[in-house]
Amino acid sequence: MRQDEKLLALLDIVIDTYIDKWEPIGSKFLNSLEDIDYAPSTLRKHLNTLEKQGMVYQPYNSSGRIPTVEGLKLYIENYLQQMEADQIDEVISTRENIKEIVEALGSLVDGVMIGFLRNDEYYYLWINNLLRDDLREDYDETRTIIKFIEEKKIVKHIDEKILKKNQIYYTFLDDESTMISIVYLKLNINWFESILAIVGSTRVNYKRNVAVLSQVLQKME
């Protein structure tokens, strides 16, 4: 751990302890904590450095330290950055969960299986089963549906809607003179609002698609 990281970690402990005890925090007391493995002399050195940096101060000689406003600002900023980093990790994990669900369901539905987090730029899709064999000759329709997905029009369309969790919705859109059907639902994955949608022409097997999404809801519950 670099020197500045050590000081930041120590400042975090000093402020947490000060908030809990509401009294100046000294090196002797810090040395008694399980989270601290520094010798008292090293702690005094680090506390002196924090004091020179304006992060803590001594209200009177030989007392412990109290955080300054600047120290509190740094403490809060560091916590916010940690929260942001943790949230990024959770988002990445949730994206992987969605990807696994889309891959598992892709071959079961009639149309394109899509999954994404609300208000997120990433999405996953299973496009192998875009249209049935008897419909693949309609190239223009297929191209329009793929374009509708690739341009993220579906993401924008659904993100604008107020949706209840664990409820199946459907909609029909006219895009470039092609009617597109969407059957979709909102569910929470790792506490993130997520969308599963099946996109296709108006000639998809709606009963099968609704049944697949219903099974997803039952298992998620």
Protein backbone atom coordinates (compact mmCIF):
# COMPACT_ATOMS: atom_id res chain seq x y z
CA MET A 1 0.00 0.00 0.00
CA ARG A 2 1.44 3.38 -0.98
CA GLN A 3 2.15 6.04 1.65
CA ASP A 4 -0.82 8.21 0.63
CA GLU A 5 -3.11 5.17 0.69
CA LYS A 6 -1.89 4.32 4.18
CA LEU A 7 -2.57 7.85 5.38
CA LEU A 8 -6.01 7.85 3.77
CA ALA A 9 -6.86 4.53 5.43
CA LEU A 10 -5.65 5.86 8.78
CA LEU A 11 -7.67 9.06 8.36
CA ASP A 12 -10.73 6.92 7.64
CA ILE A 13 -10.23 5.00 10.90
CA VAL A 14 -9.56 8.18 12.90
CA ILE A 15 -12.77 9.82 11.66
CA ASP A 16 -14.90 6.69 12.08
CA THR A 17 -13.60 6.32 15.65
CA TYR A 18 -14.04 10.03 16.40
CA ILE A 19 -17.66 9.91 15.20
CA ASP A 20 -18.28 6.87 17.40
CA LYS A 21 -16.49 8.11 20.55
CA TRP A 22 -16.91 11.88 20.06
CA GLU A 23 -13.52 12.66 21.61
CA PRO A 24 -9.95 13.26 20.32
CA ILE A 25 -8.33 10.08 19.03
CA GLY A 26 -4.75 9.36 20.10
CA SER A 27 -2.06 6.96 18.87
CA LYS A 28 -2.27 4.79 21.99
CA PHE A 29 -5.98 4.17 21.53
CA LEU A 30 -5.55 3.55 17.79
CA ASN A 31 -2.84 0.99 18.53
CA SER A 32 -5.36 -0.98 20.61
CA LEU A 33 -7.71 -1.41 17.63
CA GLU A 34 -7.71 -4.68 15.68
CA ASP A 35 -7.63 -2.83 12.35
CA ILE A 36 -4.34 -1.13 13.23
CA ASP A 37 -1.03 -2.98 12.99
CA TYR A 38 1.32 0.00 13.34
CA ALA A 39 3.57 0.62 16.33
CA PRO A 40 2.59 3.66 18.44
CA SER A 41 5.66 5.56 17.18
CA THR A 42 4.63 4.94 13.55
CA LEU A 43 1.09 6.02 14.34
CA ARG A 44 2.34 9.25 15.89
CA LYS A 45 4.41 9.90 12.77
CA HIS A 46 1.42 9.32 10.47
CA LEU A 47 -0.85 11.45 12.66
CA ASN A 48 1.71 14.26 12.55
CA THR A 49 1.76 14.02 8.76
CA LEU A 50 -2.04 14.20 8.62
CA GLU A 51 -1.91 17.23 10.90
CA LYS A 52 0.65 18.96 8.66
CA GLN A 53 -1.65 18.24 5.69
CA GLY A 54 -4.53 19.94 7.51
CA MET A 55 -6.62 16.78 7.84
CA VAL A 56 -6.64 16.64 11.67
CA TYR A 57 -5.68 18.89 14.57
CA GLN A 58 -4.99 18.75 18.31
CA PRO A 59 -7.44 20.81 20.39
CA TYR A 60 -4.78 21.06 23.12
CA ASN A 61 -1.23 19.81 23.73
CA SER A 62 -0.75 16.04 24.17
CA SER A 63 -4.34 15.34 23.20
CA GLY A 64 -5.54 13.08 20.44
CA ARG A 65 -6.63 14.33 17.05
CA ILE A 66 -9.93 15.68 15.75
CA PRO A 67 -10.72 15.81 12.04
CA THR A 68 -10.79 19.19 10.33
CA VAL A 69 -13.36 20.22 7.74
CA GLU A 70 -10.81 19.42 5.02
CA GLY A 71 -10.27 16.00 6.55
CA LEU A 72 -14.01 15.36 6.62
CA LYS A 73 -14.33 16.44 2.97
CA LEU A 74 -11.59 14.00 1.94
CA TYR A 75 -13.21 11.26 4.05
CA ILE A 76 -16.58 11.73 2.32
CA GLU A 77 -15.05 11.98 -1.17
CA ASN A 78 -13.10 8.78 -0.61
CA TYR A 79 -16.25 6.98 0.53
CA LEU A 80 -18.18 8.20 -2.52
CA GLN A 81 -15.42 6.93 -4.82
CA GLN A 82 -15.48 3.55 -3.08
CA MET A 83 -19.25 3.38 -3.51
CA GLU A 84 -18.93 4.24 -7.20
CA ALA A 85 -16.27 1.54 -7.68
CA ASP A 86 -18.42 -1.01 -5.86
CA GLN A 87 -21.44 -0.07 -7.98
CA ILE A 88 -19.43 -0.49 -11.18
CA ASP A 89 -18.48 -3.99 -10.06
CA GLU A 90 -22.13 -4.76 -9.33
CA VAL A 91 -23.21 -3.43 -12.73
CA ILE A 92 -20.63 -5.61 -14.50
CA SER A 93 -21.79 -8.64 -12.50
CA THR A 94 -25.44 -7.91 -13.31
CA ARG A 95 -24.65 -7.53 -17.01
CA GLU A 96 -23.11 -11.00 -16.93
CA ASN A 97 -26.23 -12.36 -15.22
CA ILE A 98 -28.40 -10.83 -17.95
CA LYS A 99 -26.15 -12.24 -20.65
CA GLU A 100 -26.52 -15.75 -19.18
CA ILE A 101 -30.31 -15.40 -19.05
CA VAL A 102 -30.50 -14.16 -22.66
CA GLU A 103 -28.31 -17.01 -23.89
CA ALA A 104 -30.39 -19.56 -21.98
CA LEU A 105 -33.71 -18.27 -23.34
CA GLY A 106 -32.62 -17.27 -26.84
CA SER A 107 -33.31 -20.62 -28.48
CA LEU A 108 -36.70 -20.94 -26.76
CA VAL A 109 -38.41 -17.79 -27.99
CA ASP A 110 -39.77 -16.79 -31.38
CA GLY A 111 -37.87 -13.61 -32.22
CA VAL A 112 -34.81 -11.82 -30.85
CA MET A 113 -34.17 -12.22 -27.13
CA ILE A 114 -32.75 -9.04 -25.59
CA GLY A 115 -31.69 -8.12 -22.07
CA PHE A 116 -30.40 -4.86 -20.63
CA LEU A 117 -30.24 -2.71 -17.51
CA ARG A 118 -32.45 0.34 -17.55
CA ASN A 119 -30.54 3.53 -18.37
CA ASP A 120 -27.47 1.50 -19.32
CA GLU A 121 -25.68 1.66 -22.68
CA TYR A 122 -25.00 -2.07 -22.83
CA TYR A 123 -27.39 -4.75 -23.97
CA TYR A 124 -27.21 -8.44 -24.91
CA LEU A 125 -29.17 -10.26 -27.56
CA TRP A 126 -29.65 -13.68 -29.05
CA ILE A 127 -30.25 -13.14 -32.73
CA ASN A 128 -29.92 -16.72 -34.06
CA ASN A 129 -33.64 -17.22 -33.76
CA LEU A 130 -34.71 -13.92 -35.30
CA LEU A 131 -37.37 -15.34 -37.59
CA ARG A 132 -38.81 -18.73 -38.42
CA ASP A 133 -37.67 -20.55 -41.55
CA ASP A 134 -40.85 -19.64 -43.41
CA LEU A 135 -40.26 -15.91 -42.80
CA ARG A 136 -36.53 -15.51 -43.48
CA GLU A 137 -37.08 -14.67 -47.13
CA ASP A 138 -38.49 -11.30 -46.08
CA TYR A 139 -35.08 -9.63 -46.04
CA ASP A 140 -36.33 -6.05 -45.68
CA GLU A 141 -38.37 -6.91 -42.61
CA THR A 142 -35.46 -8.76 -41.02
CA ARG A 143 -33.09 -5.89 -41.76
CA THR A 144 -35.49 -3.35 -40.23
CA ILE A 145 -35.85 -5.38 -37.03
CA ILE A 146 -32.09 -5.79 -36.69
CA LYS A 147 -31.57 -2.06 -37.31
CA PHE A 148 -34.26 -1.23 -34.74
CA ILE A 149 -32.30 -3.21 -32.18
CA GLU A 150 -28.78 -2.13 -33.16
CA GLU A 151 -29.72 1.56 -33.07
CA LYS A 152 -31.01 0.94 -29.53
CA LYS A 153 -34.43 2.27 -30.38
CA ILE A 154 -35.92 -0.48 -28.23
CA VAL A 155 -33.81 0.61 -25.25
CA LYS A 156 -34.96 4.22 -25.63
CA HIS A 157 -38.58 3.15 -26.14
CA ILE A 158 -38.74 1.01 -22.99
CA ASP A 159 -36.60 3.31 -20.81
CA GLU A 160 -39.21 6.03 -21.29
CA LYS A 161 -42.00 3.87 -19.88
CA ILE A 162 -43.10 3.47 -16.28
CA LEU A 163 -43.16 -0.25 -15.65
CA LYS A 164 -44.27 -2.39 -12.75
CA LYS A 165 -41.96 -5.17 -11.70
CA ASN A 166 -42.87 -8.77 -12.55
CA GLN A 167 -45.52 -7.90 -15.10
CA ILE A 168 -45.51 -8.82 -18.80
CA TYR A 169 -46.12 -6.04 -21.32
CA TYR A 170 -46.50 -5.91 -25.09
CA THR A 171 -46.39 -3.20 -27.69
CA PHE A 172 -46.44 -2.77 -31.47
CA LEU A 173 -44.36 -0.17 -33.31
CA ASP A 174 -44.28 0.98 -36.91
CA ASP A 175 -40.62 1.45 -37.88
CA GLU A 176 -39.77 2.24 -41.49
CA SER A 177 -43.13 0.84 -42.61
CA THR A 178 -42.45 -2.43 -40.80
CA MET A 179 -44.60 -3.46 -37.87
CA ILE A 180 -42.50 -4.68 -34.96
CA SER A 181 -43.83 -6.53 -31.95
CA ILE A 182 -42.24 -6.44 -28.49
CA VAL A 183 -43.14 -8.59 -25.49
CA TYR A 184 -41.20 -7.54 -22.41
CA LEU A 185 -40.99 -7.34 -18.64
CA LYS A 186 -39.10 -5.56 -15.88
CA LEU A 187 -37.45 -7.49 -13.08
CA ASN A 188 -34.79 -6.78 -10.48
CA ILE A 189 -31.44 -8.53 -10.82
CA ASN A 190 -28.97 -7.76 -8.03
CA TRP A 191 -31.23 -4.82 -7.08
CA PHE A 192 -30.89 -3.28 -10.57
CA GLU A 193 -33.93 -2.66 -12.77
CA SER A 194 -33.49 -4.96 -15.75
CA ILE A 195 -35.47 -5.58 -18.92
CA LEU A 196 -36.02 -8.79 -20.85
CA ALA A 197 -37.67 -8.33 -24.22
CA ILE A 198 -38.55 -10.45 -27.25
CA VAL A 199 -38.56 -8.50 -30.51
CA GLY A 200 -39.85 -9.73 -33.85
CA SER A 201 -42.39 -9.28 -36.58
CA THR A 202 -46.13 -9.34 -35.92
CA ARG A 203 -46.10 -13.02 -36.93
CA VAL A 204 -44.27 -14.43 -33.93
CA ASN A 205 -45.59 -17.08 -31.56
CA TYR A 206 -46.94 -14.79 -28.82
CA LYS A 207 -48.18 -17.63 -26.63
CA ARG A 208 -44.72 -19.21 -26.56
CA ASN A 209 -43.00 -15.89 -25.84
CA VAL A 210 -45.39 -15.00 -23.03
CA ALA A 211 -45.00 -18.49 -21.58
CA VAL A 212 -41.20 -18.17 -21.56
CA LEU A 213 -41.29 -14.82 -19.78
CA SER A 214 -43.87 -16.17 -17.32
CA GLN A 215 -41.48 -19.00 -16.45
CA VAL A 216 -38.73 -16.46 -15.86
CA LEU A 217 -40.94 -14.56 -13.43
CA GLN A 218 -41.86 -17.70 -11.53
CA LYS A 219 -38.22 -18.72 -11.12
CA MET A 220 -37.12 -15.21 -10.11
CA GLU A 221 -39.76 -15.13 -7.38
